[in-house]
Amino acid sequence: MKKFTIFLILIVFLSYSGFALSIDLKTKFVEKSEITAIKVGATYFLEQKGIEVVNIGEDFAVWLKNLERSFISENQYAYKITVKLSYPTSLVEKRTIMEETLKFEIVLSTPIKHTAEILDNRLRRHFLKIKERLTHEAYIGGLAVATCIEELLIAKGVLRGK
């Protein structure tokens, strides 16, 4: 408990001192391809808020898991994904600090903001063909996950609310 308290004080101090807060967005190997678009979108939106997304040396690990995608109608999908804030880790999940299950919907005919072009360019590096659904997943799902992560970090006291 004493180590945790010291760790928490250090994180809060670094956050308020202007040092960048860093997280590692993690997925289980079996879900990696299903969650990639949302992860790319979340990375973009977190970086816009000054939260560094890294693979090594993170302050926290954030696990994105249990993605469920449901077909509602021809151009509409429902999503559910679990977002877990935990201590830094390399391959396995460690003790959960906070957890939230997000639900959101995507309507493909709905125009998305100008950042979709930036996301589209990032996704092109990962996929040969960008599908409309993946771009919407990256924007809507990425924004939802990034907002959830920010709220978890604020609730934990390691990030100041705006």
N, C-alpha and C. Protein backbone atom coordinates (compact mmCIF):
# COMPACT_ATOMS: atom_id res chain seq x y z
N MET A 1 0.82 -1.19 0.00
CA MET A 1 0.00 0.00 0.00
C MET A 1 0.87 1.25 0.00
N LYS A 2 1.99 1.23 0.73
CA LYS A 2 2.87 2.38 0.79
C LYS A 2 3.47 2.67 -0.59
N LYS A 3 3.88 1.61 -1.32
CA LYS A 3 4.43 1.79 -2.66
C LYS A 3 3.39 2.41 -3.60
N PHE A 4 2.14 1.95 -3.48
CA PHE A 4 1.07 2.48 -4.32
C PHE A 4 0.87 3.96 -4.05
N THR A 5 0.86 4.36 -2.77
CA THR A 5 0.67 5.76 -2.40
C THR A 5 1.80 6.61 -2.97
N ILE A 6 3.02 6.15 -2.84
CA ILE A 6 4.17 6.88 -3.39
C ILE A 6 4.05 6.98 -4.91
N PHE A 7 3.68 5.87 -5.56
CA PHE A 7 3.48 5.85 -7.01
C PHE A 7 2.42 6.86 -7.43
N LEU A 8 1.31 6.88 -6.72
CA LEU A 8 0.22 7.80 -7.04
C LEU A 8 0.64 9.25 -6.87
N ILE A 9 1.34 9.56 -5.80
CA ILE A 9 1.83 10.93 -5.57
C ILE A 9 2.79 11.33 -6.68
N LEU A 10 3.67 10.43 -7.10
CA LEU A 10 4.61 10.71 -8.18
C LEU A 10 3.88 11.00 -9.49
N ILE A 11 2.89 10.19 -9.82
CA ILE A 11 2.13 10.39 -11.06
C ILE A 11 1.41 11.74 -11.04
N VAL A 12 0.78 12.06 -9.92
CA VAL A 12 0.07 13.35 -9.80
C VAL A 12 1.08 14.49 -9.94
N PHE A 13 2.22 14.38 -9.28
CA PHE A 13 3.25 15.42 -9.34
C PHE A 13 3.72 15.62 -10.78
N LEU A 14 4.04 14.52 -11.46
CA LEU A 14 4.51 14.62 -12.85
C LEU A 14 3.44 15.21 -13.76
N SER A 15 2.20 14.82 -13.55
CA SER A 15 1.10 15.34 -14.35
C SER A 15 0.96 16.85 -14.19
N TYR A 16 1.03 17.33 -12.96
CA TYR A 16 0.88 18.76 -12.70
C TYR A 16 2.15 19.55 -13.01
N SER A 17 3.28 18.89 -13.12
CA SER A 17 4.55 19.56 -13.40
C SER A 17 4.75 19.80 -14.90
N GLY A 18 3.82 19.40 -15.70
CA GLY A 18 3.94 19.61 -17.13
C GLY A 18 4.53 18.43 -17.88
N PHE A 19 4.94 17.39 -17.17
CA PHE A 19 5.44 16.20 -17.85
C PHE A 19 4.26 15.50 -18.50
N ALA A 20 4.50 14.92 -19.66
CA ALA A 20 3.43 14.25 -20.38
C ALA A 20 3.04 12.95 -19.67
N LEU A 21 1.77 12.72 -19.59
CA LEU A 21 1.25 11.46 -19.08
C LEU A 21 1.30 10.48 -20.24
N SER A 22 1.78 9.29 -20.00
CA SER A 22 1.87 8.32 -21.10
C SER A 22 1.10 7.05 -20.75
N ILE A 23 0.45 6.52 -21.78
CA ILE A 23 -0.29 5.27 -21.62
C ILE A 23 0.07 4.34 -22.77
N ASP A 24 -0.17 3.07 -22.54
CA ASP A 24 -0.01 2.06 -23.58
C ASP A 24 -1.38 1.47 -23.83
N LEU A 25 -1.89 1.62 -25.04
CA LEU A 25 -3.18 1.01 -25.41
C LEU A 25 -2.92 -0.44 -25.77
N LYS A 26 -3.52 -1.34 -25.02
CA LYS A 26 -3.26 -2.76 -25.20
C LYS A 26 -4.51 -3.50 -25.63
N THR A 27 -4.30 -4.55 -26.39
CA THR A 27 -5.38 -5.46 -26.79
C THR A 27 -4.85 -6.88 -26.70
N LYS A 28 -5.74 -7.80 -26.48
CA LYS A 28 -5.35 -9.20 -26.53
C LYS A 28 -5.08 -9.56 -28.00
N PHE A 29 -4.15 -10.46 -28.22
CA PHE A 29 -3.76 -10.82 -29.58
C PHE A 29 -4.96 -11.23 -30.43
N VAL A 30 -5.87 -12.00 -29.87
CA VAL A 30 -7.01 -12.50 -30.64
C VAL A 30 -7.98 -11.39 -31.04
N GLU A 31 -7.92 -10.23 -30.38
CA GLU A 31 -8.83 -9.12 -30.71
C GLU A 31 -8.14 -7.99 -31.48
N LYS A 32 -6.84 -8.09 -31.68
CA LYS A 32 -6.05 -7.02 -32.27
C LYS A 32 -6.63 -6.49 -33.58
N SER A 33 -6.95 -7.36 -34.51
CA SER A 33 -7.45 -6.91 -35.81
C SER A 33 -8.84 -6.28 -35.71
N GLU A 34 -9.64 -6.77 -34.79
CA GLU A 34 -11.00 -6.22 -34.62
C GLU A 34 -10.99 -4.83 -34.00
N ILE A 35 -9.99 -4.53 -33.18
CA ILE A 35 -9.97 -3.29 -32.41
C ILE A 35 -9.03 -2.25 -33.02
N THR A 36 -8.28 -2.59 -34.06
CA THR A 36 -7.27 -1.70 -34.61
C THR A 36 -7.80 -0.32 -34.97
N ALA A 37 -8.92 -0.24 -35.66
CA ALA A 37 -9.44 1.07 -36.08
C ALA A 37 -9.77 1.94 -34.87
N ILE A 38 -10.40 1.36 -33.87
CA ILE A 38 -10.75 2.11 -32.67
C ILE A 38 -9.47 2.54 -31.94
N LYS A 39 -8.48 1.67 -31.90
CA LYS A 39 -7.21 1.99 -31.24
C LYS A 39 -6.49 3.14 -31.95
N VAL A 40 -6.48 3.12 -33.28
CA VAL A 40 -5.86 4.20 -34.05
C VAL A 40 -6.58 5.52 -33.78
N GLY A 41 -7.91 5.48 -33.76
CA GLY A 41 -8.69 6.68 -33.47
C GLY A 41 -8.45 7.19 -32.05
N ALA A 42 -8.43 6.28 -31.08
CA ALA A 42 -8.20 6.67 -29.68
C ALA A 42 -6.81 7.30 -29.54
N THR A 43 -5.81 6.73 -30.21
CA THR A 43 -4.46 7.29 -30.16
C THR A 43 -4.46 8.73 -30.67
N TYR A 44 -5.11 8.95 -31.79
CA TYR A 44 -5.18 10.30 -32.36
C TYR A 44 -5.82 11.28 -31.38
N PHE A 45 -6.98 10.94 -30.82
CA PHE A 45 -7.69 11.86 -29.94
C PHE A 45 -6.95 12.06 -28.61
N LEU A 46 -6.30 11.03 -28.09
CA LEU A 46 -5.52 11.18 -26.86
C LEU A 46 -4.33 12.11 -27.09
N GLU A 47 -3.65 11.94 -28.21
CA GLU A 47 -2.51 12.81 -28.53
C GLU A 47 -2.95 14.26 -28.68
N GLN A 48 -4.15 14.49 -29.18
CA GLN A 48 -4.68 15.85 -29.29
C GLN A 48 -4.86 16.49 -27.91
N LYS A 49 -5.05 15.68 -26.89
CA LYS A 49 -5.24 16.16 -25.52
C LYS A 49 -3.93 16.16 -24.73
N GLY A 50 -2.82 15.87 -25.40
CA GLY A 50 -1.51 15.90 -24.74
C GLY A 50 -1.16 14.63 -23.99
N ILE A 51 -1.90 13.56 -24.19
CA ILE A 51 -1.59 12.28 -23.56
C ILE A 51 -0.78 11.46 -24.55
N GLU A 52 0.41 11.09 -24.15
CA GLU A 52 1.31 10.36 -25.03
C GLU A 52 0.94 8.88 -25.04
N VAL A 53 0.84 8.29 -26.23
CA VAL A 53 0.55 6.86 -26.36
C VAL A 53 1.86 6.19 -26.79
N VAL A 54 2.34 5.29 -25.93
CA VAL A 54 3.64 4.65 -26.13
C VAL A 54 3.50 3.13 -26.03
N ASN A 55 4.55 2.43 -26.41
CA ASN A 55 4.59 0.98 -26.27
C ASN A 55 5.45 0.53 -25.09
N ILE A 56 6.37 1.38 -24.67
CA ILE A 56 7.28 1.07 -23.57
C ILE A 56 7.41 2.31 -22.68
N GLY A 57 7.48 2.09 -21.37
CA GLY A 57 7.71 3.19 -20.45
C GLY A 57 6.46 3.99 -20.10
N GLU A 58 5.32 3.36 -20.19
CA GLU A 58 4.05 4.04 -19.91
C GLU A 58 3.82 4.23 -18.42
N ASP A 59 2.99 5.22 -18.10
CA ASP A 59 2.55 5.43 -16.72
C ASP A 59 1.42 4.44 -16.38
N PHE A 60 0.57 4.18 -17.37
CA PHE A 60 -0.57 3.27 -17.19
C PHE A 60 -0.75 2.44 -18.45
N ALA A 61 -1.31 1.26 -18.27
CA ALA A 61 -1.74 0.43 -19.39
C ALA A 61 -3.27 0.57 -19.48
N VAL A 62 -3.77 0.69 -20.69
CA VAL A 62 -5.22 0.72 -20.90
C VAL A 62 -5.56 -0.42 -21.84
N TRP A 63 -6.34 -1.37 -21.32
CA TRP A 63 -6.73 -2.54 -22.10
C TRP A 63 -8.06 -2.26 -22.79
N LEU A 64 -8.09 -2.46 -24.10
CA LEU A 64 -9.32 -2.39 -24.89
C LEU A 64 -9.68 -3.84 -25.21
N LYS A 65 -10.86 -4.28 -24.77
CA LYS A 65 -11.17 -5.70 -24.94
C LYS A 65 -12.67 -5.94 -25.02
N ASN A 66 -13.01 -7.15 -25.37
CA ASN A 66 -14.39 -7.63 -25.45
C ASN A 66 -15.24 -6.80 -26.41
N LEU A 67 -14.68 -6.46 -27.57
CA LEU A 67 -15.44 -5.70 -28.56
C LEU A 67 -16.58 -6.53 -29.10
N GLU A 68 -17.76 -5.94 -29.07
CA GLU A 68 -18.94 -6.56 -29.69
C GLU A 68 -19.49 -5.58 -30.71
N ARG A 69 -19.65 -6.05 -31.94
CA ARG A 69 -20.20 -5.24 -33.02
C ARG A 69 -21.48 -5.91 -33.48
N SER A 70 -22.58 -5.15 -33.47
CA SER A 70 -23.87 -5.70 -33.87
C SER A 70 -24.42 -4.93 -35.06
N PHE A 71 -24.93 -5.66 -36.01
CA PHE A 71 -25.59 -5.07 -37.17
C PHE A 71 -27.00 -4.64 -36.76
N ILE A 72 -27.33 -3.37 -36.99
CA ILE A 72 -28.67 -2.88 -36.67
C ILE A 72 -29.50 -2.77 -37.94
N SER A 73 -28.92 -2.10 -38.93
CA SER A 73 -29.58 -1.97 -40.23
C SER A 73 -28.50 -1.82 -41.29
N GLU A 74 -28.88 -1.57 -42.52
CA GLU A 74 -27.93 -1.55 -43.63
C GLU A 74 -26.72 -0.65 -43.36
N ASN A 75 -26.92 0.52 -42.78
CA ASN A 75 -25.82 1.46 -42.54
C ASN A 75 -25.60 1.76 -41.06
N GLN A 76 -26.08 0.90 -40.19
CA GLN A 76 -26.00 1.21 -38.76
C GLN A 76 -25.49 0.01 -37.97
N TYR A 77 -24.52 0.29 -37.07
CA TYR A 77 -23.91 -0.73 -36.23
C TYR A 77 -23.91 -0.27 -34.78
N ALA A 78 -24.05 -1.21 -33.86
CA ALA A 78 -23.94 -0.93 -32.42
C ALA A 78 -22.66 -1.58 -31.91
N TYR A 79 -21.98 -0.90 -31.00
CA TYR A 79 -20.71 -1.39 -30.46
C TYR A 79 -20.74 -1.40 -28.94
N LYS A 80 -19.97 -2.32 -28.39
CA LYS A 80 -19.75 -2.37 -26.96
C LYS A 80 -18.29 -2.80 -26.78
N ILE A 81 -17.56 -2.07 -25.92
CA ILE A 81 -16.14 -2.37 -25.70
C ILE A 81 -15.80 -2.06 -24.24
N THR A 82 -14.94 -2.89 -23.65
CA THR A 82 -14.50 -2.68 -22.28
C THR A 82 -13.17 -1.94 -22.30
N VAL A 83 -13.07 -0.89 -21.45
CA VAL A 83 -11.85 -0.10 -21.31
C VAL A 83 -11.39 -0.26 -19.86
N LYS A 84 -10.17 -0.84 -19.69
CA LYS A 84 -9.64 -1.10 -18.35
C LYS A 84 -8.35 -0.31 -18.13
N LEU A 85 -8.34 0.52 -17.12
CA LEU A 85 -7.14 1.25 -16.71
C LEU A 85 -6.41 0.38 -15.69
N SER A 86 -5.13 0.08 -15.95
CA SER A 86 -4.37 -0.76 -15.02
C SER A 86 -2.92 -0.27 -14.93
N TYR A 87 -2.15 -0.94 -14.11
CA TYR A 87 -0.75 -0.59 -13.94
C TYR A 87 0.05 -1.03 -15.16
N PRO A 88 1.22 -0.41 -15.41
CA PRO A 88 2.04 -0.78 -16.57
C PRO A 88 2.31 -2.28 -16.60
N THR A 89 2.31 -2.81 -17.81
CA THR A 89 2.51 -4.24 -17.99
C THR A 89 3.09 -4.49 -19.37
N SER A 90 3.68 -5.64 -19.56
CA SER A 90 4.21 -5.95 -20.88
C SER A 90 3.25 -6.80 -21.70
N LEU A 91 2.89 -7.96 -21.20
CA LEU A 91 2.05 -8.85 -22.00
C LEU A 91 0.74 -9.26 -21.33
N VAL A 92 0.70 -9.29 -20.03
CA VAL A 92 -0.49 -9.78 -19.34
C VAL A 92 -1.16 -8.64 -18.56
N GLU A 93 -2.46 -8.77 -18.39
CA GLU A 93 -3.19 -7.76 -17.63
C GLU A 93 -2.79 -7.81 -16.17
N LYS A 94 -2.62 -6.65 -15.60
CA LYS A 94 -2.36 -6.56 -14.17
C LYS A 94 -3.63 -6.08 -13.49
N ARG A 95 -3.52 -5.86 -12.19
CA ARG A 95 -4.68 -5.46 -11.40
C ARG A 95 -5.34 -4.21 -11.99
N THR A 96 -6.66 -4.29 -12.12
CA THR A 96 -7.45 -3.20 -12.68
C THR A 96 -7.58 -2.08 -11.66
N ILE A 97 -7.35 -0.85 -12.12
CA ILE A 97 -7.55 0.33 -11.28
C ILE A 97 -9.00 0.79 -11.45
N MET A 98 -9.41 0.93 -12.70
CA MET A 98 -10.79 1.32 -13.02
C MET A 98 -11.17 0.64 -14.32
N GLU A 99 -12.48 0.45 -14.51
CA GLU A 99 -12.97 -0.22 -15.71
C GLU A 99 -14.32 0.36 -16.10
N GLU A 100 -14.54 0.47 -17.41
CA GLU A 100 -15.83 0.95 -17.90
C GLU A 100 -16.18 0.22 -19.20
N THR A 101 -17.46 -0.05 -19.38
CA THR A 101 -17.92 -0.64 -20.64
C THR A 101 -18.64 0.46 -21.41
N LEU A 102 -18.13 0.72 -22.61
CA LEU A 102 -18.69 1.77 -23.48
C LEU A 102 -19.66 1.16 -24.48
N LYS A 103 -20.70 1.92 -24.80
CA LYS A 103 -21.61 1.54 -25.87
C LYS A 103 -21.77 2.76 -26.77
N PHE A 104 -21.70 2.52 -28.09
CA PHE A 104 -21.92 3.59 -29.04
C PHE A 104 -22.44 3.00 -30.35
N GLU A 105 -23.00 3.86 -31.20
CA GLU A 105 -23.52 3.43 -32.49
C GLU A 105 -22.84 4.21 -33.60
N ILE A 106 -22.77 3.59 -34.76
CA ILE A 106 -22.23 4.21 -35.96
C ILE A 106 -23.29 4.15 -37.05
N VAL A 107 -23.54 5.30 -37.66
CA VAL A 107 -24.41 5.38 -38.83
C VAL A 107 -23.51 5.81 -39.98
N LEU A 108 -23.31 4.93 -40.95
CA LEU A 108 -22.32 5.18 -42.00
C LEU A 108 -22.65 6.38 -42.88
N SER A 109 -23.90 6.72 -43.03
CA SER A 109 -24.24 7.85 -43.90
C SER A 109 -24.05 9.20 -43.20
N THR A 110 -23.75 9.19 -41.90
CA THR A 110 -23.54 10.42 -41.15
C THR A 110 -22.15 10.97 -41.46
N PRO A 111 -22.06 12.25 -41.90
CA PRO A 111 -20.73 12.81 -42.14
C PRO A 111 -19.97 12.96 -40.82
N ILE A 112 -18.65 12.74 -40.89
CA ILE A 112 -17.83 12.93 -39.70
C ILE A 112 -16.90 14.11 -39.92
N LYS A 113 -16.34 14.64 -38.85
CA LYS A 113 -15.56 15.87 -38.90
C LYS A 113 -14.30 15.72 -39.74
N HIS A 114 -13.64 16.85 -39.99
CA HIS A 114 -12.45 16.90 -40.85
C HIS A 114 -11.32 16.00 -40.39
N THR A 115 -11.28 15.62 -39.13
CA THR A 115 -10.21 14.75 -38.65
C THR A 115 -10.30 13.37 -39.27
N ALA A 116 -11.42 13.05 -39.87
CA ALA A 116 -11.55 11.75 -40.52
C ALA A 116 -10.48 11.57 -41.60
N GLU A 117 -10.10 12.64 -42.27
CA GLU A 117 -9.06 12.55 -43.30
C GLU A 117 -7.71 12.17 -42.68
N ILE A 118 -7.39 12.75 -41.54
CA ILE A 118 -6.15 12.41 -40.84
C ILE A 118 -6.19 10.95 -40.42
N LEU A 119 -7.32 10.54 -39.86
CA LEU A 119 -7.46 9.14 -39.44
C LEU A 119 -7.36 8.21 -40.63
N ASP A 120 -7.97 8.60 -41.73
CA ASP A 120 -7.93 7.78 -42.94
C ASP A 120 -6.48 7.57 -43.38
N ASN A 121 -5.66 8.62 -43.33
CA ASN A 121 -4.26 8.50 -43.72
C ASN A 121 -3.50 7.56 -42.79
N ARG A 122 -3.78 7.64 -41.50
CA ARG A 122 -3.13 6.73 -40.55
C ARG A 122 -3.56 5.29 -40.79
N LEU A 123 -4.82 5.09 -41.07
CA LEU A 123 -5.32 3.74 -41.29
C LEU A 123 -4.76 3.12 -42.57
N ARG A 124 -4.46 3.94 -43.55
CA ARG A 124 -3.91 3.42 -44.81
C ARG A 124 -2.60 2.68 -44.59
N ARG A 125 -1.84 3.08 -43.56
CA ARG A 125 -0.59 2.38 -43.26
C ARG A 125 -0.85 0.98 -42.73
N HIS A 126 -2.01 0.74 -42.17
CA HIS A 126 -2.31 -0.56 -41.57
C HIS A 126 -3.15 -1.46 -42.48
N PHE A 127 -3.83 -0.90 -43.41
CA PHE A 127 -4.73 -1.68 -44.26
C PHE A 127 -4.50 -1.33 -45.72
N LEU A 128 -4.67 -2.31 -46.60
CA LEU A 128 -4.57 -2.02 -48.03
C LEU A 128 -5.79 -1.22 -48.49
N LYS A 129 -6.95 -1.59 -48.03
CA LYS A 129 -8.18 -0.88 -48.41
C LYS A 129 -8.86 -0.37 -47.15
N ILE A 130 -9.19 0.93 -47.13
CA ILE A 130 -9.93 1.51 -46.01
C ILE A 130 -11.42 1.41 -46.34
N LYS A 131 -12.12 0.76 -45.44
CA LYS A 131 -13.57 0.62 -45.61
C LYS A 131 -14.24 1.75 -44.85
N GLU A 132 -15.41 2.16 -45.30
CA GLU A 132 -16.14 3.24 -44.63
C GLU A 132 -16.42 2.91 -43.17
N ARG A 133 -16.74 1.67 -42.88
CA ARG A 133 -17.02 1.26 -41.51
C ARG A 133 -15.81 1.47 -40.61
N LEU A 134 -14.59 1.15 -41.10
CA LEU A 134 -13.38 1.30 -40.29
C LEU A 134 -13.09 2.77 -39.99
N THR A 135 -13.31 3.66 -40.96
CA THR A 135 -13.10 5.08 -40.72
C THR A 135 -14.07 5.59 -39.67
N HIS A 136 -15.32 5.18 -39.75
CA HIS A 136 -16.31 5.59 -38.74
C HIS A 136 -15.97 4.98 -37.38
N GLU A 137 -15.51 3.73 -37.36
CA GLU A 137 -15.10 3.09 -36.11
C GLU A 137 -13.96 3.87 -35.48
N ALA A 138 -12.98 4.25 -36.29
CA ALA A 138 -11.83 4.99 -35.78
C ALA A 138 -12.26 6.33 -35.19
N TYR A 139 -13.15 7.01 -35.87
CA TYR A 139 -13.58 8.32 -35.38
C TYR A 139 -14.50 8.20 -34.18
N ILE A 140 -15.61 7.53 -34.35
CA ILE A 140 -16.63 7.48 -33.29
C ILE A 140 -16.15 6.61 -32.13
N GLY A 141 -15.65 5.42 -32.43
CA GLY A 141 -15.15 4.55 -31.38
C GLY A 141 -13.90 5.10 -30.73
N GLY A 142 -12.99 5.64 -31.53
CA GLY A 142 -11.76 6.23 -31.00
C GLY A 142 -12.04 7.40 -30.08
N LEU A 143 -12.97 8.27 -30.48
CA LEU A 143 -13.33 9.41 -29.64
C LEU A 143 -13.99 8.95 -28.34
N ALA A 144 -14.87 7.96 -28.43
CA ALA A 144 -15.53 7.43 -27.23
C ALA A 144 -14.51 6.82 -26.28
N VAL A 145 -13.58 6.02 -26.80
CA VAL A 145 -12.58 5.37 -25.96
C VAL A 145 -11.63 6.42 -25.37
N ALA A 146 -11.18 7.38 -26.18
CA ALA A 146 -10.27 8.42 -25.68
C ALA A 146 -10.94 9.24 -24.59
N THR A 147 -12.21 9.58 -24.77
CA THR A 147 -12.94 10.33 -23.75
C THR A 147 -13.07 9.52 -22.47
N CYS A 148 -13.35 8.23 -22.60
CA CYS A 148 -13.46 7.34 -21.44
C CYS A 148 -12.12 7.26 -20.71
N ILE A 149 -11.02 7.11 -21.44
CA ILE A 149 -9.70 7.03 -20.82
C ILE A 149 -9.40 8.33 -20.08
N GLU A 150 -9.69 9.46 -20.72
CA GLU A 150 -9.47 10.75 -20.08
C GLU A 150 -10.28 10.86 -18.78
N GLU A 151 -11.54 10.45 -18.81
CA GLU A 151 -12.38 10.50 -17.62
C GLU A 151 -11.87 9.58 -16.52
N LEU A 152 -11.37 8.38 -16.89
CA LEU A 152 -10.80 7.47 -15.90
C LEU A 152 -9.55 8.08 -15.26
N LEU A 153 -8.71 8.72 -16.09
CA LEU A 153 -7.49 9.34 -15.56
C LEU A 153 -7.82 10.54 -14.67
N ILE A 154 -8.86 11.30 -15.01
CA ILE A 154 -9.30 12.41 -14.17
C ILE A 154 -9.86 11.86 -12.85
N ALA A 155 -10.67 10.83 -12.95
CA ALA A 155 -11.26 10.22 -11.74
C ALA A 155 -10.18 9.65 -10.83
N LYS A 156 -9.12 9.12 -11.43
CA LYS A 156 -8.01 8.55 -10.66
C LYS A 156 -7.16 9.67 -10.04
N GLY A 157 -7.29 10.89 -10.58
CA GLY A 157 -6.54 12.02 -10.04
C GLY A 157 -5.18 12.24 -10.65
N VAL A 158 -4.91 11.59 -11.77
CA VAL A 158 -3.60 11.75 -12.41
C VAL A 158 -3.65 12.73 -13.58
N LEU A 159 -4.84 13.23 -13.88
CA LEU A 159 -5.00 14.19 -14.96
C LEU A 159 -6.01 15.22 -14.51
N ARG A 160 -5.76 16.47 -14.83
CA ARG A 160 -6.69 17.54 -14.46
C ARG A 160 -7.80 17.64 -15.48
N GLY A 161 -9.03 17.86 -15.01
CA GLY A 161 -10.16 18.09 -15.90
C GLY A 161 -10.07 19.48 -16.49
N LYS A 162 -10.68 19.65 -17.65
CA LYS A 162 -10.63 20.96 -18.31
C LYS A 162 -11.90 21.72 -18.12
